[in-house]
């Protein structure tokens, strides 16, 4: 049996058969989840958004080695860009295919604004500055309602337009070939297309001259500069590229939710995205996707199971589900750092760095 499986795996068509099976499973997934509850389709959509954020942050942290604790600020910039250009707040209702590039570009500019003053900072100092940047953006969003109402302050922006193409709206449910395509299901397929494009871009960047320059800077910035790499421009490009992915994710989040406020972009969200990158494996695109999926779905599963289990065992709820969820989340991260510090699926370079030397050496 093992020999048969090995021969099948070596068959030239095995890869494409696997791709087709995965594609069919992803196409059917939202309908399977919808049969359990629409909430799970929405959770899946949010998980895809977190994958987009993690892939963007992986460029900064995983490829270039620049610790960024304020990445959620770019998510907020993209979200507010879409909200202000597609809502009654300013009376603008631009189509989403116009706003998405604008959101990515505005977030990209903010990424350069963050990167330019921090070019000579690394490690803890860079982390502190980026953390402050994330909080400054959130505070500005919370207070830019006077004297000119730009963001509507803590009340947020409401009545945000969903994605529409002509008369086709992603917010309405429609029936096609006997299948009901609800709003979350439609957004699921759109998010999957965007995610596929972002993954392809990341793979191409990783194998490009720019990607190798990022890795060289991460390993030894002085040596990279001595080899002729323009470290200033390459680091700014890392901040800009990572921020643009955050801006795209923020725009899609704004359209899906129909309402945003500064409370959606707190520091905890930045820490969560960074944890996804570290848990999955910094610098490895597949590992980052796995980390984002785990930290998106496991807490939600615990949210739905902890309370019923307590009531079944003790007859009442002793500990709030949110408390248990965060305890288990923290414990999992501590165990990962102790026993698998490179992450679940680390990159080859990262794995070699953290490998223990042989006892005979």
Protein backbone atom coordinates (compact mmCIF):
# COMPACT_ATOMS: atom_id res chain seq x y z
CA UNK A 1 0.00 0.00 0.00
CA UNK A 2 2.80 2.40 0.89
CA UNK A 3 4.57 1.64 -2.40
CA UNK A 4 1.35 2.28 -4.33
CA UNK A 5 0.87 5.65 -2.59
CA UNK A 6 4.49 6.57 -3.27
CA UNK A 7 4.10 5.78 -6.99
CA UNK A 8 0.88 7.77 -7.15
CA UNK A 9 2.60 10.72 -5.50
CA UNK A 10 5.38 10.63 -8.10
CA UNK A 11 2.92 10.53 -11.00
CA UNK A 12 3.15 13.71 -13.17
CA UNK A 13 -0.59 14.35 -12.80
CA UNK A 14 -0.63 13.90 -9.01
CA UNK A 15 0.02 17.60 -8.31
CA UNK A 16 -2.80 18.81 -10.56
CA UNK A 17 -5.20 16.20 -9.21
CA UNK A 18 -4.44 17.50 -5.71
CA UNK A 19 -4.99 21.07 -6.84
CA UNK A 20 -8.36 20.14 -8.37
CA UNK A 21 -9.47 18.35 -5.19
CA UNK A 22 -8.53 21.35 -3.05
CA UNK A 23 -10.32 23.70 -5.46
CA UNK A 24 -13.51 21.60 -5.35
CA UNK A 25 -13.36 21.49 -1.54
CA UNK A 26 -12.95 25.29 -1.32
CA UNK A 27 -15.82 25.85 -3.76
CA UNK A 28 -18.14 23.64 -1.70
CA UNK A 29 -16.96 24.89 1.71
CA UNK A 30 -19.31 27.89 2.13
CA UNK A 31 -22.40 25.77 1.44
CA UNK A 32 -21.27 23.15 3.97
CA UNK A 33 -20.67 25.88 6.55
CA UNK A 34 -23.99 27.57 5.71
CA UNK A 35 -25.79 24.32 6.48
CA UNK A 36 -24.43 24.61 10.05
CA UNK A 37 -25.05 28.35 10.31
CA UNK A 38 -24.35 31.54 8.39
CA UNK A 39 -22.18 32.70 11.29
CA UNK A 40 -19.53 30.15 10.29
CA UNK A 41 -19.38 31.58 6.77
CA UNK A 42 -18.80 35.02 8.27
CA UNK A 43 -16.11 33.59 10.57
CA UNK A 44 -14.44 32.02 7.53
CA UNK A 45 -14.52 35.37 5.72
CA UNK A 46 -12.87 37.06 8.70
CA UNK A 47 -10.28 34.26 8.76
CA UNK A 48 -9.46 35.00 5.11
CA UNK A 49 -9.06 38.68 5.99
CA UNK A 50 -6.64 37.70 8.76
CA UNK A 51 -4.71 35.58 6.24
CA UNK A 52 -4.41 38.64 4.00
CA UNK A 53 -3.16 40.70 6.97
CA UNK A 54 -0.73 37.96 8.01
CA UNK A 55 0.71 37.67 4.49
CA UNK A 56 1.20 41.46 4.43
CA UNK A 57 2.88 41.48 7.83
CA UNK A 58 5.00 38.49 6.82
CA UNK A 59 6.69 40.67 4.21
CA UNK A 60 7.78 43.12 6.92
CA UNK A 61 8.50 40.69 9.76
CA UNK A 62 9.19 37.39 8.01
CA UNK A 63 11.08 38.48 4.89
CA UNK A 64 12.73 41.76 5.95
CA UNK A 65 13.02 41.03 9.69
CA UNK A 66 11.47 44.34 10.79
CA UNK A 67 9.34 43.96 13.91
CA UNK A 68 6.06 45.85 13.40
CA UNK A 69 3.54 46.10 16.27
CA UNK A 70 1.35 48.72 14.61
CA UNK A 71 0.37 46.87 11.45
CA UNK A 72 -3.34 47.14 12.23
CA UNK A 73 -3.05 50.88 11.45
CA UNK A 74 -2.81 50.08 7.72
CA UNK A 75 -5.89 47.90 8.06
CA UNK A 76 -7.67 50.90 9.60
CA UNK A 77 -6.46 53.26 6.86
CA UNK A 78 -7.82 50.96 4.15
CA UNK A 79 -11.11 50.50 5.98
CA UNK A 80 -11.68 54.22 6.51
CA UNK A 81 -10.63 55.03 2.94
CA UNK A 82 -13.35 52.75 1.62
CA UNK A 83 -15.90 53.91 4.20
CA UNK A 84 -15.42 57.62 3.44
CA UNK A 85 -15.55 57.11 -0.33
CA UNK A 86 -18.55 54.75 -0.34
CA UNK A 87 -21.00 56.07 2.24
CA UNK A 88 -23.31 59.03 2.88
CA UNK A 89 -20.67 60.57 5.18
CA UNK A 90 -19.25 62.72 2.35
CA UNK A 91 -21.99 61.87 -0.13
CA UNK A 92 -19.58 59.82 -2.25
CA UNK A 93 -20.49 56.40 -3.61
CA UNK A 94 -17.57 55.35 -5.79
CA UNK A 95 -17.48 51.77 -7.17
CA UNK A 96 -15.40 49.29 -5.19
CA UNK A 97 -13.01 48.57 -8.07
CA UNK A 98 -11.99 52.25 -7.93
CA UNK A 99 -11.69 52.43 -4.14
CA UNK A 100 -9.66 49.22 -3.63
CA UNK A 101 -6.58 50.56 -5.48
CA UNK A 102 -7.01 53.91 -3.71
CA UNK A 103 -7.14 52.17 -0.32
CA UNK A 104 -4.03 50.16 -1.15
CA UNK A 105 -2.22 53.29 -2.34
CA UNK A 106 -3.16 55.36 0.74
CA UNK A 107 -2.04 52.54 3.04
CA UNK A 108 1.17 52.26 1.00
CA UNK A 109 1.86 55.98 1.58
CA UNK A 110 1.30 55.49 5.32
CA UNK A 111 3.70 52.54 5.21
CA UNK A 112 6.40 54.77 3.71
CA UNK A 113 5.63 57.47 6.30
CA UNK A 114 6.18 54.89 9.04
CA UNK A 115 9.26 53.38 7.44
CA UNK A 116 11.15 56.58 6.58
CA UNK A 117 11.82 57.78 10.19
CA UNK A 118 12.59 54.26 11.42
CA UNK A 119 15.24 53.18 8.89
CA UNK A 120 18.01 53.12 11.49
CA UNK A 121 15.94 51.39 14.16
CA UNK A 122 15.81 47.65 14.75
CA UNK A 123 14.53 45.22 17.35
CA UNK A 124 12.83 46.60 20.45
CA UNK A 125 13.22 50.24 19.42
CA UNK A 126 11.50 49.63 16.08
CA UNK A 127 8.74 47.70 17.85
CA UNK A 128 8.08 50.61 20.24
CA UNK A 129 7.91 53.15 17.40
CA UNK A 130 5.55 51.02 15.29
CA UNK A 131 3.37 50.35 18.33
CA UNK A 132 3.11 54.09 18.89
CA UNK A 133 2.26 54.63 15.21
CA UNK A 134 -0.63 52.17 15.43
CA UNK A 135 -2.02 53.88 18.51
CA UNK A 136 -1.60 57.36 16.99
CA UNK A 137 -3.66 56.35 13.95
CA UNK A 138 -6.41 54.90 16.16
CA UNK A 139 -6.49 58.01 18.37
CA UNK A 140 -6.65 60.28 15.31
CA UNK A 141 -9.57 58.27 13.94
CA UNK A 142 -11.25 58.58 17.31
CA UNK A 143 -10.87 62.35 17.48
CA UNK A 144 -11.07 63.65 13.91
CA UNK A 145 -14.69 64.69 14.28
CA UNK A 146 -13.96 68.31 15.24
CA UNK A 147 -13.67 71.03 14.03
CA UNK A 148 -14.19 69.25 10.68
CA UNK A 149 -15.94 65.91 10.85
CA UNK A 150 -13.63 63.61 8.89
CA UNK A 151 -14.09 60.25 10.63
CA UNK A 152 -17.23 60.78 12.78
CA UNK A 153 -15.13 60.06 15.85
CA UNK A 154 -15.97 57.13 18.14
CA UNK A 155 -19.42 56.75 16.53
CA UNK A 156 -17.77 55.42 13.39
CA UNK A 157 -19.04 55.42 9.81
CA UNK A 158 -22.33 53.71 9.01
CA UNK A 159 -24.34 52.79 5.90
CA UNK A 160 -21.19 51.80 3.98
CA UNK A 161 -21.92 50.57 0.48
CA UNK A 162 -21.42 46.85 -0.21
CA UNK A 163 -19.52 45.71 -3.27
CA UNK A 164 -21.71 46.03 -6.35
CA UNK A 165 -21.16 45.33 -10.05
CA UNK A 166 -24.00 46.89 -12.02
CA UNK A 167 -27.18 45.47 -10.53
CA UNK A 168 -25.30 42.62 -8.84
CA UNK A 169 -24.87 43.29 -5.12
CA UNK A 170 -22.75 41.19 -2.79
CA UNK A 171 -25.11 42.06 0.08
CA UNK A 172 -28.23 40.43 -1.38
CA UNK A 173 -29.13 36.75 -1.43
CA UNK A 174 -29.75 35.23 -4.83
CA UNK A 175 -30.66 31.77 -6.10
CA UNK A 176 -28.76 30.25 -9.00
CA UNK A 177 -29.12 26.65 -10.25
CA UNK A 178 -31.04 25.78 -7.11
CA UNK A 179 -28.29 27.09 -4.81
CA UNK A 180 -28.79 30.07 -2.51
CA UNK A 181 -25.89 32.51 -2.63
CA UNK A 182 -26.19 34.70 0.45
CA UNK A 183 -24.13 37.85 0.96
CA UNK A 184 -21.43 36.11 3.06
CA UNK A 185 -21.14 33.32 0.48
CA UNK A 186 -20.59 35.85 -2.32
CA UNK A 187 -17.97 37.66 -0.28
CA UNK A 188 -16.30 34.31 0.43
CA UNK A 189 -15.68 33.68 -3.26
CA UNK A 190 -14.46 37.26 -3.82
CA UNK A 191 -12.12 36.99 -0.84
CA UNK A 192 -10.76 33.69 -2.15
CA UNK A 193 -9.94 35.30 -5.50
CA UNK A 194 -8.17 38.20 -3.78
CA UNK A 195 -6.33 35.78 -1.47
CA UNK A 196 -5.17 33.69 -4.43
CA UNK A 197 -3.80 36.83 -6.12
CA UNK A 198 -2.02 37.92 -2.92
CA UNK A 199 -0.48 34.45 -2.45
CA UNK A 200 0.83 34.47 -6.05
CA UNK A 201 2.30 37.96 -5.52
CA UNK A 202 3.97 36.80 -2.28
CA UNK A 203 5.45 33.73 -3.97
CA UNK A 204 6.80 35.82 -6.82
CA UNK A 205 8.23 38.38 -4.40
CA UNK A 206 9.89 35.68 -2.30
CA UNK A 207 11.79 34.31 -5.31
CA UNK A 208 12.63 37.69 -6.81
CA UNK A 209 15.70 39.88 -6.37
CA UNK A 210 13.69 42.05 -3.98
CA UNK A 211 12.72 39.06 -1.86
CA UNK A 212 16.31 37.86 -1.65
CA UNK A 213 17.39 41.40 -0.72
CA UNK A 214 14.82 41.43 2.11
CA UNK A 215 16.16 38.12 3.41
CA UNK A 216 19.74 39.39 3.17
CA UNK A 217 18.81 42.45 5.25
CA UNK A 218 17.07 40.22 7.79
CA UNK A 219 20.16 38.02 8.15
CA UNK A 220 22.79 40.79 8.27
CA UNK A 221 22.01 44.35 7.25
CA UNK A 222 25.66 45.47 7.31
CA UNK A 223 26.72 42.60 5.06
CA UNK A 224 23.80 43.26 2.72
CA UNK A 225 24.79 46.92 2.43
CA UNK A 226 28.40 45.91 1.78
CA UNK A 227 27.20 43.69 -1.08
CA UNK A 228 25.61 46.70 -2.78
CA UNK A 229 21.98 46.38 -1.62
CA UNK A 230 20.26 49.73 -1.15
CA UNK A 231 18.94 48.91 2.32
CA UNK A 232 17.00 52.16 2.65
CA UNK A 233 14.89 51.66 -0.46
CA UNK A 234 14.45 47.93 0.10
CA UNK A 235 13.21 48.44 3.68
CA UNK A 236 10.84 51.19 2.59
CA UNK A 237 9.54 48.87 -0.11
CA UNK A 238 8.87 46.18 2.51
CA UNK A 239 6.83 48.61 4.62
CA UNK A 240 4.97 49.85 1.52
CA UNK A 241 4.15 46.39 0.14
CA UNK A 242 3.05 45.04 3.51
CA UNK A 243 0.90 48.11 4.15
CA UNK A 244 -0.82 47.85 0.75
CA UNK A 245 -2.07 44.34 1.54
CA UNK A 246 -3.37 45.64 4.87
CA UNK A 247 -5.18 48.44 3.03
CA UNK A 248 -6.88 46.00 0.66
CA UNK A 249 -7.99 43.81 3.58
CA UNK A 250 -9.31 46.88 5.41
CA UNK A 251 -11.35 48.01 2.40
CA UNK A 252 -12.96 44.58 2.09
CA UNK A 253 -13.67 44.46 5.83
CA UNK A 254 -15.40 47.85 5.62
CA UNK A 255 -17.64 46.72 2.74
CA UNK A 256 -18.52 43.42 4.44
CA UNK A 257 -19.39 44.96 7.78
CA UNK A 258 -21.23 48.07 6.56
CA UNK A 259 -20.01 49.85 9.70
CA UNK A 260 -16.59 50.61 11.16
CA UNK A 261 -15.32 52.44 14.22
CA UNK A 262 -11.89 52.97 15.79
CA UNK A 263 -12.63 50.18 18.29
CA UNK A 264 -12.15 47.64 15.49
CA UNK A 265 -8.45 48.56 15.19
CA UNK A 266 -7.02 48.26 18.70
CA UNK A 267 -3.54 47.07 19.65
CA UNK A 268 -4.78 43.55 20.46
CA UNK A 269 -5.56 43.05 16.76
CA UNK A 270 -1.95 43.90 15.83
CA UNK A 271 -0.69 41.43 18.42
CA UNK A 272 -3.07 38.79 17.06
CA UNK A 273 -1.83 39.20 13.48
CA UNK A 274 1.80 39.10 14.64
CA UNK A 275 1.03 35.94 16.65
CA UNK A 276 -0.37 34.32 13.50
CA UNK A 277 2.87 35.01 11.64
CA UNK A 278 5.07 33.77 14.50
CA UNK A 279 2.93 30.72 15.24
CA UNK A 280 2.73 29.61 11.62
CA UNK A 281 6.37 30.25 10.80
CA UNK A 282 7.94 33.59 9.91
CA UNK A 283 9.06 33.81 6.31
CA UNK A 284 7.07 30.77 5.16
CA UNK A 285 3.91 31.65 3.23
CA UNK A 286 2.26 28.27 3.87
CA UNK A 287 3.08 28.46 7.57
CA UNK A 288 1.62 31.95 7.89
CA UNK A 289 -1.64 30.74 6.30
CA UNK A 290 -1.81 27.81 8.73
CA UNK A 291 -1.14 30.09 11.71
CA UNK A 292 -3.85 32.52 10.62
CA UNK A 293 -6.40 29.73 10.17
CA UNK A 294 -5.62 28.20 13.58
CA UNK A 295 -5.83 31.47 15.51
CA UNK A 296 -9.00 32.45 13.65
CA UNK A 297 -10.97 29.22 14.02
CA UNK A 298 -9.81 27.62 17.29
CA UNK A 299 -10.94 30.57 19.46
CA UNK A 300 -14.35 30.53 17.77
CA UNK A 301 -14.71 26.78 18.28
CA UNK A 302 -13.87 27.28 21.96
CA UNK A 303 -16.39 30.10 22.15
CA UNK A 304 -19.16 27.74 21.04
CA UNK A 305 -18.05 24.71 23.10
CA UNK A 306 -16.72 25.98 26.45
CA UNK A 307 -20.05 27.15 27.83
CA UNK A 308 -22.08 23.99 26.92
CA UNK A 309 -19.34 21.75 28.35
CA UNK A 310 -19.31 23.64 31.65
CA UNK A 311 -23.09 23.47 31.94
CA UNK A 312 -23.08 19.75 31.16
CA UNK A 313 -20.34 18.95 33.72
CA UNK A 314 -21.00 21.47 36.51
CA UNK A 315 -24.61 22.45 35.85
CA UNK A 316 -23.61 26.11 35.52
CA UNK A 317 -20.97 28.28 33.96
CA UNK A 318 -17.97 28.79 36.27
CA UNK A 319 -15.57 30.64 33.98
CA UNK A 320 -16.46 32.95 31.13
CA UNK A 321 -15.69 31.47 27.69
CA UNK A 322 -13.61 34.52 26.77
CA UNK A 323 -11.34 33.98 29.80
CA UNK A 324 -10.76 30.30 28.99
CA UNK A 325 -10.24 31.14 25.33
CA UNK A 326 -7.48 33.65 26.11
CA UNK A 327 -5.87 31.34 28.69
CA UNK A 328 -5.65 28.50 26.18
CA UNK A 329 -4.45 30.91 23.51
CA UNK A 330 -1.65 32.16 25.76
CA UNK A 331 -0.70 28.64 26.84
CA UNK A 332 -0.49 27.49 23.22
CA UNK A 333 1.85 30.37 22.33
CA UNK A 334 4.10 29.68 25.33
CA UNK A 335 4.34 25.97 24.44
CA UNK A 336 5.11 26.85 20.82
CA UNK A 337 7.94 29.16 21.85
CA UNK A 338 9.36 26.48 24.14
CA UNK A 339 9.16 23.43 21.90
CA UNK A 340 8.85 24.78 18.35
CA UNK A 341 10.18 28.37 18.31
CA UNK A 342 10.47 28.44 14.51
CA UNK A 343 6.70 27.95 14.16
CA UNK A 344 4.49 25.17 12.87
CA UNK A 345 5.84 25.33 9.29
CA UNK A 346 9.06 27.36 9.47
CA UNK A 347 11.00 28.50 6.46
CA UNK A 348 14.11 26.50 5.63
CA UNK A 349 16.43 29.36 6.63
CA UNK A 350 14.63 29.98 9.91
CA UNK A 351 14.68 26.26 10.70
CA UNK A 352 18.45 26.09 10.21
CA UNK A 353 18.97 29.17 12.39
CA UNK A 354 17.13 27.63 15.34
CA UNK A 355 18.38 24.05 14.86
CA UNK A 356 20.43 22.73 17.78
CA UNK A 357 24.06 22.02 16.94
CA UNK A 358 25.09 18.36 16.93
CA UNK A 359 26.68 17.16 20.13
CA UNK A 360 29.77 15.97 18.24
CA UNK A 361 30.54 19.45 16.86
